[in-house]
């Protein structure tokens, strides 16, 4: 299992993700897509 909690990501000064949390169980496929 993969677990992410409170993930923040920036591209330069632009905040792309704020406080993202994801749980991925065995055999599951998850995609985070944005523009």
PDB file of N, CA and C in Angstrom:
ATOM      1  N   UNK A   1       0.845  -1.185   0.000  1.00  0.00           N
ATOM      2  CA  UNK A   1       0.000   0.000   0.000  1.00  0.00           C
ATOM      3  C   UNK A   1       0.886   1.244   0.000  1.00  0.00           C
ATOM      4  N   UNK A   2       0.408   2.264  -0.673  1.00  0.00           N
ATOM      5  CA  UNK A   2       1.087   3.561  -0.710  1.00  0.00           C
ATOM      6  C   UNK A   2       0.210   4.579  -0.007  1.00  0.00           C
ATOM      7  N   UNK A   3       0.803   5.347   0.875  1.00  0.00           N
ATOM      8  CA  UNK A   3       0.053   6.372   1.613  1.00  0.00           C
ATOM      9  C   UNK A   3       0.817   7.690   1.550  1.00  0.00           C
ATOM     10  N   UNK A   4       0.132   8.740   1.111  1.00  0.00           N
ATOM     11  CA  UNK A   4       0.695  10.090   1.091  1.00  0.00           C
ATOM     12  C   UNK A   4      -0.192  10.981   1.939  1.00  0.00           C
ATOM     13  N   UNK A   5       0.394  11.821   2.770  1.00  0.00           N
ATOM     14  CA  UNK A   5      -0.367  12.715   3.646  1.00  0.00           C
ATOM     15  C   UNK A   5       0.189  14.128   3.573  1.00  0.00           C
ATOM     16  N   UNK A   6      -0.704  15.088   3.355  1.00  0.00           N
ATOM     17  CA  UNK A   6      -0.335  16.501   3.409  1.00  0.00           C
ATOM     18  C   UNK A   6       0.732  16.922   2.419  1.00  0.00           C
ATOM     19  N   UNK A   7       0.657  16.416   1.201  1.00  0.00           N
ATOM     20  CA  UNK A   7       1.679  16.712   0.192  1.00  0.00           C
ATOM     21  C   UNK A   7       1.461  18.105  -0.404  1.00  0.00           C
ATOM     22  N   UNK A   8       2.521  18.894  -0.430  1.00  0.00           N
ATOM     23  CA  UNK A   8       2.537  20.196  -1.095  1.00  0.00           C
ATOM     24  C   UNK A   8       3.575  20.125  -2.207  1.00  0.00           C
ATOM     25  N   UNK A   9       3.287  20.755  -3.338  1.00  0.00           N
ATOM     26  CA  UNK A   9       4.247  20.802  -4.446  1.00  0.00           C
ATOM     27  C   UNK A   9       4.203  22.183  -5.084  1.00  0.00           C
ATOM     28  N   UNK A  10       5.370  22.648  -5.469  1.00  0.00           N
ATOM     29  CA  UNK A  10       5.503  23.964  -6.093  1.00  0.00           C
ATOM     30  C   UNK A  10       6.242  23.843  -7.412  1.00  0.00           C
ATOM     31  N   UNK A  11       5.878  24.684  -8.370  1.00  0.00           N
ATOM     32  CA  UNK A  11       6.617  24.898  -9.605  1.00  0.00           C
ATOM     33  C   UNK A  11       7.074  26.345  -9.565  1.00  0.00           C
ATOM     34  N   UNK A  12       8.314  26.533  -9.154  1.00  0.00           N
ATOM     35  CA  UNK A  12       8.787  27.900  -8.923  1.00  0.00           C
ATOM     36  C   UNK A  12       8.012  28.501  -7.760  1.00  0.00           C
ATOM     37  N   UNK A  13       7.343  29.623  -7.991  1.00  0.00           N
ATOM     38  CA  UNK A  13       6.559  30.284  -6.937  1.00  0.00           C
ATOM     39  C   UNK A  13       5.096  29.858  -6.943  1.00  0.00           C
ATOM     40  N   UNK A  14       4.697  29.017  -7.900  1.00  0.00           N
ATOM     41  CA  UNK A  14       3.299  28.602  -8.035  1.00  0.00           C
ATOM     42  C   UNK A  14       3.055  27.311  -7.267  1.00  0.00           C
ATOM     43  N   UNK A  15       2.064  27.338  -6.362  1.00  0.00           N
ATOM     44  CA  UNK A  15       1.734  26.134  -5.604  1.00  0.00           C
ATOM     45  C   UNK A  15       0.775  25.277  -6.423  1.00  0.00           C
ATOM     46  N   UNK A  16       1.238  24.069  -6.790  1.00  0.00           N
ATOM     47  CA  UNK A  16       0.452  23.163  -7.628  1.00  0.00           C
ATOM     48  C   UNK A  16      -0.412  22.224  -6.795  1.00  0.00           C
ATOM     49  N   UNK A  17       0.071  21.812  -5.632  1.00  0.00           N
ATOM     50  CA  UNK A  17      -0.680  20.936  -4.723  1.00  0.00           C
ATOM     51  C   UNK A  17      -0.641  21.526  -3.330  1.00  0.00           C
ATOM     52  N   UNK A  18      -1.744  21.399  -2.601  1.00  0.00           N
ATOM     53  CA  UNK A  18      -1.792  21.897  -1.226  1.00  0.00           C
ATOM     54  C   UNK A  18      -2.511  20.872  -0.352  1.00  0.00           C
ATOM     55  N   UNK A  19      -1.760  20.213   0.520  1.00  0.00           N
ATOM     56  CA  UNK A  19      -2.345  19.308   1.506  1.00  0.00           C
ATOM     57  C   UNK A  19      -3.020  18.075   0.929  1.00  0.00           C
ATOM     58  N   UNK A  20      -2.509  17.547  -0.176  1.00  0.00           N
ATOM     59  CA  UNK A  20      -3.114  16.377  -0.824  1.00  0.00           C
ATOM     60  C   UNK A  20      -2.773  15.114  -0.041  1.00  0.00           C
ATOM     61  N   UNK A  21      -3.787  14.283   0.203  1.00  0.00           N
ATOM     62  CA  UNK A  21      -3.597  12.992   0.860  1.00  0.00           C
ATOM     63  C   UNK A  21      -4.214  11.900  -0.008  1.00  0.00           C
ATOM     64  N   UNK A  22      -3.479  10.800  -0.175  1.00  0.00           N
ATOM     65  CA  UNK A  22      -3.920   9.696  -1.031  1.00  0.00           C
ATOM     66  C   UNK A  22      -3.563   8.375  -0.362  1.00  0.00           C
ATOM     67  N   UNK A  23      -4.502   7.429  -0.389  1.00  0.00           N
ATOM     68  CA  UNK A  23      -4.253   6.042   0.007  1.00  0.00           C
ATOM     69  C   UNK A  23      -4.475   5.169  -1.219  1.00  0.00           C
ATOM     70  N   UNK A  24      -3.487   4.361  -1.560  1.00  0.00           N
ATOM     71  CA  UNK A  24      -3.606   3.456  -2.702  1.00  0.00           C
ATOM     72  C   UNK A  24      -3.389   2.041  -2.188  1.00  0.00           C
ATOM     73  N   UNK A  25      -4.412   1.223  -2.342  1.00  0.00           N
ATOM     74  CA  UNK A  25      -4.330  -0.157  -1.887  1.00  0.00           C
ATOM     75  C   UNK A  25      -3.653  -1.055  -2.905  1.00  0.00           C
ATOM     76  N   UNK A  26      -3.289  -2.257  -2.468  1.00  0.00           N
ATOM     77  CA  UNK A  26      -2.645  -3.229  -3.342  1.00  0.00           C
ATOM     78  C   UNK A  26      -3.552  -3.541  -4.532  1.00  0.00           C
ATOM     79  N   UNK A  27      -3.001  -3.494  -5.731  1.00  0.00           N
ATOM     80  CA  UNK A  27      -3.754  -3.786  -6.941  1.00  0.00           C
ATOM     81  C   UNK A  27      -4.538  -2.609  -7.496  1.00  0.00           C
ATOM     82  N   UNK A  28      -4.534  -1.474  -6.814  1.00  0.00           N
ATOM     83  CA  UNK A  28      -5.248  -0.284  -7.284  1.00  0.00           C
ATOM     84  C   UNK A  28      -4.327   0.587  -8.136  1.00  0.00           C
ATOM     85  N   UNK A  29      -4.941   1.315  -9.048  1.00  0.00           N
ATOM     86  CA  UNK A  29      -4.215   2.270  -9.887  1.00  0.00           C
ATOM     87  C   UNK A  29      -4.872   3.632  -9.708  1.00  0.00           C
ATOM     88  N   UNK A  30      -4.060   4.654  -9.417  1.00  0.00           N
ATOM     89  CA  UNK A  30      -4.575   6.002  -9.183  1.00  0.00           C
ATOM     90  C   UNK A  30      -3.758   6.986 -10.009  1.00  0.00           C
ATOM     91  N   UNK A  31      -4.431   7.977 -10.582  1.00  0.00           N
ATOM     92  CA  UNK A  31      -3.745   9.030 -11.332  1.00  0.00           C
ATOM     93  C   UNK A  31      -4.197  10.385 -10.807  1.00  0.00           C
ATOM     94  N   UNK A  32      -3.259  11.290 -10.662  1.00  0.00           N
ATOM     95  CA  UNK A  32      -3.549  12.675 -10.296  1.00  0.00           C
ATOM     96  C   UNK A  32      -3.214  13.525 -11.516  1.00  0.00           C
ATOM     97  N   UNK A  33      -4.251  14.070 -12.146  1.00  0.00           N
ATOM     98  CA  UNK A  33      -4.079  14.788 -13.407  1.00  0.00           C
ATOM     99  C   UNK A  33      -4.550  16.227 -13.232  1.00  0.00           C
ATOM    100  N   UNK A  34      -3.783  17.150 -13.722  1.00  0.00           N
ATOM    101  CA  UNK A  34      -4.174  18.553 -13.628  1.00  0.00           C
ATOM    102  C   UNK A  34      -3.652  19.337 -14.820  1.00  0.00           C
ATOM    103  N   UNK A  35      -4.068  20.578 -14.866  1.00  0.00           N
ATOM    104  CA  UNK A  35      -3.587  21.425 -15.960  1.00  0.00           C
ATOM    105  C   UNK A  35      -3.105  22.750 -15.415  1.00  0.00           C
TER     106      UNK A  35
END
